Amino acid sequence: MEAPQRRHGTKPTRARHRNEYQRHAQKRYRKVRSGERQQLRQLVVELEAAKATAVAAASGRKNRPPWSTGMLSWADIALALQDAAQVSRSDAWELQVQVVNQARLGRAMWTYATNLLAARHVSLPRSAPARREGLDWITTQLYHNADAVVAGLGFPATGELFFDIQVAEERDGGHTVTIRHQREVDESWGSVTARIRLDIWAFVDNTWWTDRRLVYRRRNIGNQVVGDMMQNYVHRQFIDERRSVLVARNILSDDKYQLGSLKRDASGWIVATRLSPEKTLVTECWTVYALRRGDSNATWADEASFYKVNLAGNMDSSINDDDSPTEAQRALLRNAVYRQGQTVLAKRNAFFHGR
């Protein structure tokens, strides 16, 4: 007859569960005992008061003894406080155990998260249900970060026309472009919200999945210099009682629809807030990251080609020995970004004034 196999790790687990059960049972028992003791003490006081009343009536005394008032004695109060302190210590110990367990879980989650790729590099899986969940998670995360992003970028408090472009150099040699745009529009909030959604949904692109509020599609953002540069991106509009938030993000990795070697990450928010029945505040921000080739930043020559920067027309057209751009080349890139930003501003002016 074959001997039963031992299960590794069952005894410590059972012991831990048994100890946990005993702790909770003792806690419940102490609470019940404490309540019963208080009820019995109160009953004793009431009986003594009734006895004292009967004795006083029989003896003809007019004044009742002090213990006939029905109040607990200091000794009873001290015992009740002692019981409450014991229960509090038990509760505090259990809370400390929970804090330790949650801290351990937090460290494990942090270790797991730090070993993953950055959020903007998460891949969409191939199966349709997983893709739908992935797009929902990505866009919902953007929506819940809208307030923090807008507050962190420091938009002006007034509703006057504001447009700004910043180019920041990153430690890895790349750069980040941040576009900020804000204006008050003499148009109802509902009309602005509907027109923003229709403007995005009206793009003639290769659309894979769409519904009333979300669209996922492909677009070629290349040019004659760099060639085709396919971009997968998702838009989704969230609407509540007094504002709408349109979020957008490039998807850099898709198991079903592959991208080329060159890709660029970008994310954006367009927030329309109701100010009055015929006035709406539109706040818009976009963050565009460095061009990437594969899993690393592309060369500066690739970046310059994407923005159509003509190095041949620059007297200082040679790149440094460490493949980093010269200051003159950085200035050329910034100017190209600013020119593109002016094109964006012109489109926004036409959108809000040409309806």
Protein backbone atom coordinates (compact mmCIF):
# COMPACT_ATOMS: atom_id res chain seq x y z
CA MET A 1 0.00 0.00 0.00
CA GLU A 2 1.42 3.36 -1.05
CA ALA A 3 1.99 5.77 1.80
CA PRO A 4 0.13 9.08 1.56
CA GLN A 5 2.30 11.96 0.41
CA ARG A 6 2.95 14.82 2.79
CA ARG A 7 1.79 18.23 1.78
CA HIS A 8 4.50 20.77 2.24
CA GLY A 9 3.52 23.92 4.03
CA THR A 10 0.13 22.71 5.35
CA LYS A 11 1.02 22.57 9.06
CA PRO A 12 2.27 26.17 9.32
CA THR A 13 -0.77 27.32 7.37
CA ARG A 14 -3.18 25.41 9.62
CA ALA A 15 -1.43 26.66 12.72
CA ARG A 16 -1.63 30.24 11.49
CA HIS A 17 -5.34 29.87 10.71
CA ARG A 18 -5.96 28.23 14.10
CA ASN A 19 -4.15 31.04 15.93
CA GLU A 20 -6.09 33.64 13.95
CA TYR A 21 -9.38 31.94 14.82
CA GLN A 22 -8.45 31.73 18.50
CA ARG A 23 -7.54 35.43 18.61
CA HIS A 24 -10.90 36.42 17.15
CA ALA A 25 -12.73 34.01 19.46
CA GLN A 26 -10.95 35.43 22.53
CA LYS A 27 -11.77 38.95 21.41
CA ARG A 28 -15.46 38.13 21.04
CA TYR A 29 -15.42 36.33 24.40
CA ARG A 30 -13.85 39.32 26.18
CA LYS A 31 -16.39 41.69 24.68
CA VAL A 32 -19.29 39.46 25.72
CA ARG A 33 -17.89 39.01 29.25
CA SER A 34 -17.34 42.74 29.61
CA GLY A 35 -20.93 43.49 28.60
CA GLU A 36 -22.32 40.83 30.93
CA ARG A 37 -20.28 42.14 33.87
CA GLN A 38 -21.54 45.67 33.31
CA GLN A 39 -25.14 44.45 33.15
CA LEU A 40 -24.72 42.46 36.36
CA ARG A 41 -23.17 45.43 38.17
CA GLN A 42 -26.01 47.65 37.05
CA LEU A 43 -28.50 45.03 38.26
CA VAL A 44 -26.77 44.87 41.65
CA VAL A 45 -26.96 48.64 41.97
CA GLU A 46 -30.65 48.65 41.10
CA LEU A 47 -31.38 45.86 43.61
CA GLU A 48 -29.45 47.65 46.35
CA ALA A 49 -31.34 50.84 45.57
CA ALA A 50 -34.66 49.00 45.77
CA LYS A 51 -33.61 47.41 49.05
CA ALA A 52 -32.53 50.74 50.50
CA THR A 53 -35.82 52.31 49.46
CA ALA A 54 -37.78 49.55 51.15
CA VAL A 55 -35.71 49.81 54.35
CA ALA A 56 -36.09 53.58 54.45
CA ALA A 57 -39.83 53.33 53.99
CA ALA A 58 -40.10 50.77 56.76
CA SER A 59 -38.00 52.71 59.25
CA GLY A 60 -39.63 56.02 58.45
CA ARG A 61 -36.40 57.67 57.38
CA LYS A 62 -36.92 60.55 54.99
CA ASN A 63 -33.46 60.68 53.41
CA ARG A 64 -32.32 57.92 51.10
CA PRO A 65 -28.78 56.59 51.36
CA PRO A 66 -26.31 57.85 48.70
CA TRP A 67 -26.02 54.40 47.10
CA SER A 68 -29.73 54.40 46.23
CA THR A 69 -29.33 56.86 43.31
CA GLY A 70 -28.76 54.07 40.75
CA MET A 71 -25.30 55.32 39.70
CA LEU A 72 -22.29 53.04 39.31
CA SER A 73 -19.66 53.16 42.01
CA TRP A 74 -16.09 54.25 41.26
CA ALA A 75 -14.96 50.66 41.71
CA ASP A 76 -17.38 49.49 39.02
CA ILE A 77 -16.27 52.31 36.69
CA ALA A 78 -12.62 51.36 37.22
CA LEU A 79 -13.35 47.72 36.36
CA ALA A 80 -15.26 48.76 33.22
CA LEU A 81 -12.38 50.98 32.11
CA GLN A 82 -9.97 48.13 32.75
CA ASP A 83 -12.03 45.84 30.51
CA ALA A 84 -12.23 48.53 27.80
CA ALA A 85 -8.47 49.05 27.95
CA GLN A 86 -7.90 45.32 27.51
CA VAL A 87 -10.19 45.23 24.46
CA SER A 88 -8.45 48.32 23.03
CA ARG A 89 -5.04 46.68 23.39
CA SER A 90 -6.35 43.62 21.57
CA ASP A 91 -7.78 45.79 18.77
CA ALA A 92 -4.51 47.75 18.52
CA TRP A 93 -2.50 44.55 18.20
CA GLU A 94 -4.75 43.30 15.38
CA LEU A 95 -4.48 46.65 13.58
CA GLN A 96 -0.69 46.51 13.85
CA VAL A 97 -0.76 43.06 12.26
CA GLN A 98 -2.87 44.44 9.41
CA VAL A 99 -0.46 47.34 8.90
CA VAL A 100 2.50 44.95 8.72
CA ASN A 101 0.68 42.71 6.23
CA GLN A 102 -0.34 45.64 4.03
CA ALA A 103 3.19 47.04 4.10
CA ARG A 104 4.51 43.64 3.02
CA LEU A 105 1.95 43.55 0.20
CA GLY A 106 2.88 47.08 -0.86
CA ARG A 107 6.57 46.19 -1.08
CA ALA A 108 5.75 43.11 -3.15
CA MET A 109 3.58 45.14 -5.52
CA TRP A 110 6.26 47.82 -5.84
CA THR A 111 8.87 45.17 -6.67
CA TYR A 112 6.56 43.66 -9.27
CA ALA A 113 5.70 47.02 -10.83
CA THR A 114 9.31 48.19 -11.05
CA ASN A 115 10.21 45.07 -13.00
CA LEU A 116 7.62 45.88 -15.68
CA LEU A 117 8.04 48.19 -18.64
CA ALA A 118 6.83 51.75 -18.36
CA ALA A 119 3.07 52.23 -18.64
CA ARG A 120 3.39 53.82 -22.06
CA HIS A 121 5.08 50.67 -23.39
CA VAL A 122 2.38 48.20 -22.35
CA SER A 123 1.35 45.95 -25.23
CA LEU A 124 -2.20 45.22 -26.28
CA PRO A 125 -2.79 41.45 -26.42
CA ARG A 126 -4.27 39.66 -29.41
CA SER A 127 -7.60 38.39 -28.03
CA ALA A 128 -10.60 40.70 -28.45
CA PRO A 129 -11.83 40.60 -24.79
CA ALA A 130 -8.34 41.34 -23.48
CA ARG A 131 -7.89 44.19 -25.98
CA ARG A 132 -11.18 45.74 -24.90
CA GLU A 133 -10.16 45.52 -21.23
CA GLY A 134 -6.73 46.93 -22.05
CA LEU A 135 -8.10 49.94 -23.92
CA ASP A 136 -10.60 50.55 -21.11
CA TRP A 137 -7.83 50.44 -18.50
CA ILE A 138 -5.50 52.76 -20.46
CA THR A 139 -8.15 55.40 -21.12
CA THR A 140 -9.64 55.21 -17.62
CA GLN A 141 -6.18 55.77 -16.13
CA LEU A 142 -5.73 58.85 -18.32
CA TYR A 143 -9.14 60.17 -17.27
CA HIS A 144 -8.46 59.84 -13.54
CA ASN A 145 -5.11 61.62 -13.99
CA ALA A 146 -6.60 64.57 -15.89
CA ASP A 147 -6.97 66.88 -12.86
CA ALA A 148 -3.43 66.16 -11.63
CA VAL A 149 -1.92 66.71 -15.08
CA VAL A 150 -3.73 70.00 -15.64
CA ALA A 151 -2.84 71.25 -12.14
CA GLY A 152 0.80 70.21 -12.56
CA LEU A 153 1.19 72.09 -15.84
CA GLY A 154 0.17 75.40 -14.28
CA PHE A 155 -2.54 76.80 -16.53
CA PRO A 156 -3.49 80.47 -15.93
CA ALA A 157 -6.53 81.20 -13.79
CA THR A 158 -8.08 83.54 -16.36
CA GLY A 159 -9.96 82.34 -19.40
CA GLU A 160 -8.04 84.44 -21.92
CA LEU A 161 -6.44 82.71 -24.88
CA PHE A 162 -3.29 80.90 -23.74
CA PHE A 163 -0.98 78.81 -25.92
CA ASP A 164 2.48 77.59 -24.95
CA ILE A 165 5.04 75.04 -26.16
CA GLN A 166 7.96 73.80 -24.05
CA VAL A 167 10.82 71.55 -25.21
CA ALA A 168 12.60 69.83 -22.29
CA GLU A 169 15.83 67.87 -22.61
CA GLU A 170 15.78 64.47 -20.89
CA ARG A 171 18.62 62.62 -19.15
CA ASP A 172 18.56 59.83 -21.73
CA GLY A 173 19.38 62.29 -24.52
CA GLY A 174 15.85 62.62 -25.82
CA HIS A 175 13.40 65.44 -25.35
CA THR A 176 9.78 65.96 -24.33
CA VAL A 177 7.44 68.45 -25.98
CA THR A 178 4.59 69.83 -23.86
CA ILE A 179 1.77 71.79 -25.50
CA ARG A 180 -0.67 73.82 -23.41
CA HIS A 181 -3.77 75.53 -24.76
CA GLN A 182 -6.67 77.20 -22.96
CA ARG A 183 -9.49 79.55 -23.96
CA GLU A 184 -13.03 80.56 -23.06
CA VAL A 185 -15.54 79.86 -25.82
CA ASP A 186 -18.87 81.65 -26.27
CA GLU A 187 -20.66 78.39 -26.92
CA SER A 188 -22.68 76.02 -24.79
CA TRP A 189 -20.83 73.20 -23.07
CA GLY A 190 -22.96 70.55 -24.76
CA SER A 191 -22.21 71.95 -28.20
CA VAL A 192 -18.45 72.14 -27.56
CA THR A 193 -18.40 68.59 -26.17
CA ALA A 194 -20.25 67.20 -29.18
CA ARG A 195 -18.08 69.05 -31.71
CA ILE A 196 -14.84 67.88 -30.08
CA ARG A 197 -15.99 64.28 -30.25
CA LEU A 198 -17.20 64.56 -33.84
CA ASP A 199 -13.94 66.23 -34.90
CA ILE A 200 -11.91 63.31 -33.54
CA TRP A 201 -14.27 60.63 -34.82
CA ALA A 202 -14.36 62.18 -38.32
CA PHE A 203 -10.72 61.33 -39.11
CA VAL A 204 -10.42 59.19 -42.23
CA ASP A 205 -8.18 56.54 -40.70
CA ASN A 206 -7.94 52.80 -40.49
CA THR A 207 -10.33 52.25 -37.58
CA TRP A 208 -10.34 48.84 -35.87
CA TRP A 209 -12.63 49.22 -32.90
CA THR A 210 -15.05 51.96 -32.00
CA ASP A 211 -18.18 52.67 -30.04
CA ARG A 212 -20.08 55.79 -29.03
CA ARG A 213 -17.27 57.10 -26.80
CA LEU A 214 -14.06 55.21 -27.73
CA VAL A 215 -12.14 54.72 -30.97
CA TYR A 216 -8.91 52.79 -31.67
CA ARG A 217 -7.27 53.31 -35.05
CA ARG A 218 -4.05 53.52 -37.09
CA ARG A 219 -2.54 56.56 -38.74
CA ASN A 220 0.54 57.22 -40.88
CA ILE A 221 2.44 60.22 -39.48
CA GLY A 222 5.58 59.77 -41.58
CA ASN A 223 6.91 62.07 -44.27
CA GLN A 224 9.00 61.93 -47.43
CA VAL A 225 12.25 61.90 -45.45
CA VAL A 226 11.59 59.19 -42.84
CA GLY A 227 9.06 57.29 -44.95
CA ASP A 228 5.98 55.59 -43.53
CA MET A 229 5.58 55.77 -39.75
CA MET A 230 2.46 53.96 -38.60
CA GLN A 231 0.92 55.05 -35.31
CA ASN A 232 -1.72 53.17 -33.31
CA TYR A 233 -3.72 55.41 -31.01
CA VAL A 234 -6.87 55.45 -28.91
CA HIS A 235 -9.31 58.27 -28.10
CA ARG A 236 -12.07 58.21 -25.50
CA GLN A 237 -14.43 60.86 -24.23
CA PHE A 238 -15.73 60.87 -20.64
CA ILE A 239 -18.75 63.06 -19.80
CA ASP A 240 -20.20 64.04 -16.43
CA GLU A 241 -22.64 66.73 -15.29
CA ARG A 242 -20.57 69.84 -16.02
CA ARG A 243 -17.49 68.81 -17.97
CA SER A 244 -16.18 66.42 -20.59
CA VAL A 245 -12.67 64.95 -20.83
CA LEU A 246 -11.29 63.63 -24.10
CA VAL A 247 -8.18 61.49 -23.54
CA ALA A 248 -5.76 60.18 -26.15
CA ARG A 249 -2.71 57.92 -26.14
CA ASN A 250 -0.43 56.25 -28.63
CA ILE A 251 -0.15 52.47 -28.29
CA LEU A 252 3.48 51.57 -28.92
CA SER A 253 3.07 47.80 -28.95
CA ASP A 254 0.20 45.75 -30.33
CA ASP A 255 0.33 41.97 -30.65
CA LYS A 256 -2.28 42.04 -33.41
CA TYR A 257 -1.36 45.14 -35.44
CA GLN A 258 2.40 45.50 -35.55
CA LEU A 259 4.24 48.82 -35.81
CA GLY A 260 7.39 49.69 -37.70
CA SER A 261 10.81 50.37 -36.22
CA LEU A 262 10.12 54.08 -35.64
CA LYS A 263 7.45 55.07 -33.14
CA ARG A 264 6.60 57.97 -30.87
CA ASP A 265 4.71 58.03 -27.60
CA ALA A 266 2.23 60.82 -26.96
CA SER A 267 -0.73 61.43 -24.67
CA GLY A 268 -3.26 64.22 -24.46
CA TRP A 269 -6.27 65.64 -22.62
CA ILE A 270 -8.96 68.07 -23.82
CA VAL A 271 -11.19 69.23 -20.95
CA ALA A 272 -14.36 71.23 -21.62
CA THR A 273 -15.87 72.77 -18.47
CA ARG A 274 -19.28 74.46 -18.25
CA LEU A 275 -18.94 78.05 -16.99
CA SER A 276 -22.44 79.29 -17.85
CA PRO A 277 -25.23 78.26 -20.23
CA GLU A 278 -23.41 79.91 -23.16
CA LYS A 279 -19.78 79.92 -22.04
CA THR A 280 -17.30 77.02 -21.87
CA LEU A 281 -13.69 76.79 -20.72
CA VAL A 282 -11.53 74.55 -22.91
CA THR A 283 -8.23 73.31 -21.43
CA GLU A 284 -5.95 71.19 -23.60
CA CYS A 285 -2.53 69.64 -23.02
CA TRP A 286 -0.37 67.21 -24.98
CA THR A 287 2.86 65.48 -24.04
CA VAL A 288 5.00 64.17 -26.91
CA TYR A 289 8.05 62.07 -26.08
CA ALA A 290 11.23 61.41 -28.02
CA LEU A 291 11.17 59.38 -31.21
CA ARG A 292 12.04 55.74 -30.57
CA ARG A 293 13.63 53.11 -32.73
CA GLY A 294 12.88 49.69 -31.32
CA ASP A 295 13.22 49.75 -27.53
CA SER A 296 15.51 52.79 -27.27
CA ASN A 297 15.57 56.42 -28.32
CA ALA A 298 16.19 57.07 -32.01
CA THR A 299 19.22 59.04 -33.13
CA TRP A 300 19.11 62.79 -33.35
CA ALA A 301 19.36 62.49 -37.13
CA ASP A 302 16.10 60.49 -37.13
CA GLU A 303 14.48 63.12 -34.92
CA ALA A 304 15.66 65.91 -37.19
CA SER A 305 14.32 64.09 -40.25
CA PHE A 306 10.92 63.66 -38.62
CA TYR A 307 10.66 67.42 -37.98
CA LYS A 308 12.12 68.13 -41.45
CA VAL A 309 15.14 69.90 -40.04
CA ASN A 310 17.59 70.65 -42.86
CA LEU A 311 21.06 69.97 -41.51
CA ALA A 312 22.67 70.74 -44.86
CA GLY A 313 21.62 74.36 -44.56
CA ASN A 314 23.25 74.69 -41.13
CA MET A 315 26.85 75.82 -40.93
CA ASP A 316 27.30 73.65 -37.83
CA SER A 317 25.79 70.52 -39.37
CA SER A 318 28.13 67.92 -37.86
CA ILE A 319 26.93 65.87 -34.88
CA ASN A 320 29.16 65.62 -31.80
CA ASP A 321 31.39 62.61 -31.26
CA ASP A 322 28.98 61.18 -28.67
CA ASP A 323 26.10 61.32 -31.21
CA SER A 324 24.52 64.22 -29.31
CA PRO A 325 23.28 67.35 -31.11
CA THR A 326 25.17 70.61 -30.98
CA GLU A 327 23.54 73.68 -29.48
CA ALA A 328 22.84 75.05 -32.95
CA GLN A 329 21.12 71.81 -33.90
CA ARG A 330 19.04 71.88 -30.72
CA ALA A 331 17.94 75.39 -31.66
CA LEU A 332 16.92 74.15 -35.11
CA LEU A 333 14.85 71.39 -33.54
CA ARG A 334 13.15 73.77 -31.11
CA ASN A 335 12.28 76.13 -33.95
CA ALA A 336 10.81 73.24 -35.95
CA VAL A 337 8.70 72.22 -32.94
CA TYR A 338 7.50 75.80 -32.46
CA ARG A 339 6.53 76.04 -36.13
CA GLN A 340 4.52 72.86 -35.79
CA GLY A 341 2.92 74.31 -32.67
CA GLN A 342 1.79 77.37 -34.58
CA THR A 343 0.09 75.04 -37.03
CA VAL A 344 -1.74 73.43 -34.11
CA LEU A 345 -2.83 76.87 -32.82
CA ALA A 346 -4.12 77.85 -36.26
CA LYS A 347 -6.18 74.66 -36.39
CA ARG A 348 -7.66 75.38 -32.96
CA ASN A 349 -8.55 78.94 -33.95
CA ALA A 350 -10.29 77.65 -37.06
CA PHE A 351 -12.11 75.01 -35.03
CA PHE A 352 -13.51 77.38 -32.40
CA HIS A 353 -14.21 80.36 -34.66
CA GLY A 354 -15.13 78.69 -37.93
CA ARG A 355 -18.23 76.77 -36.91
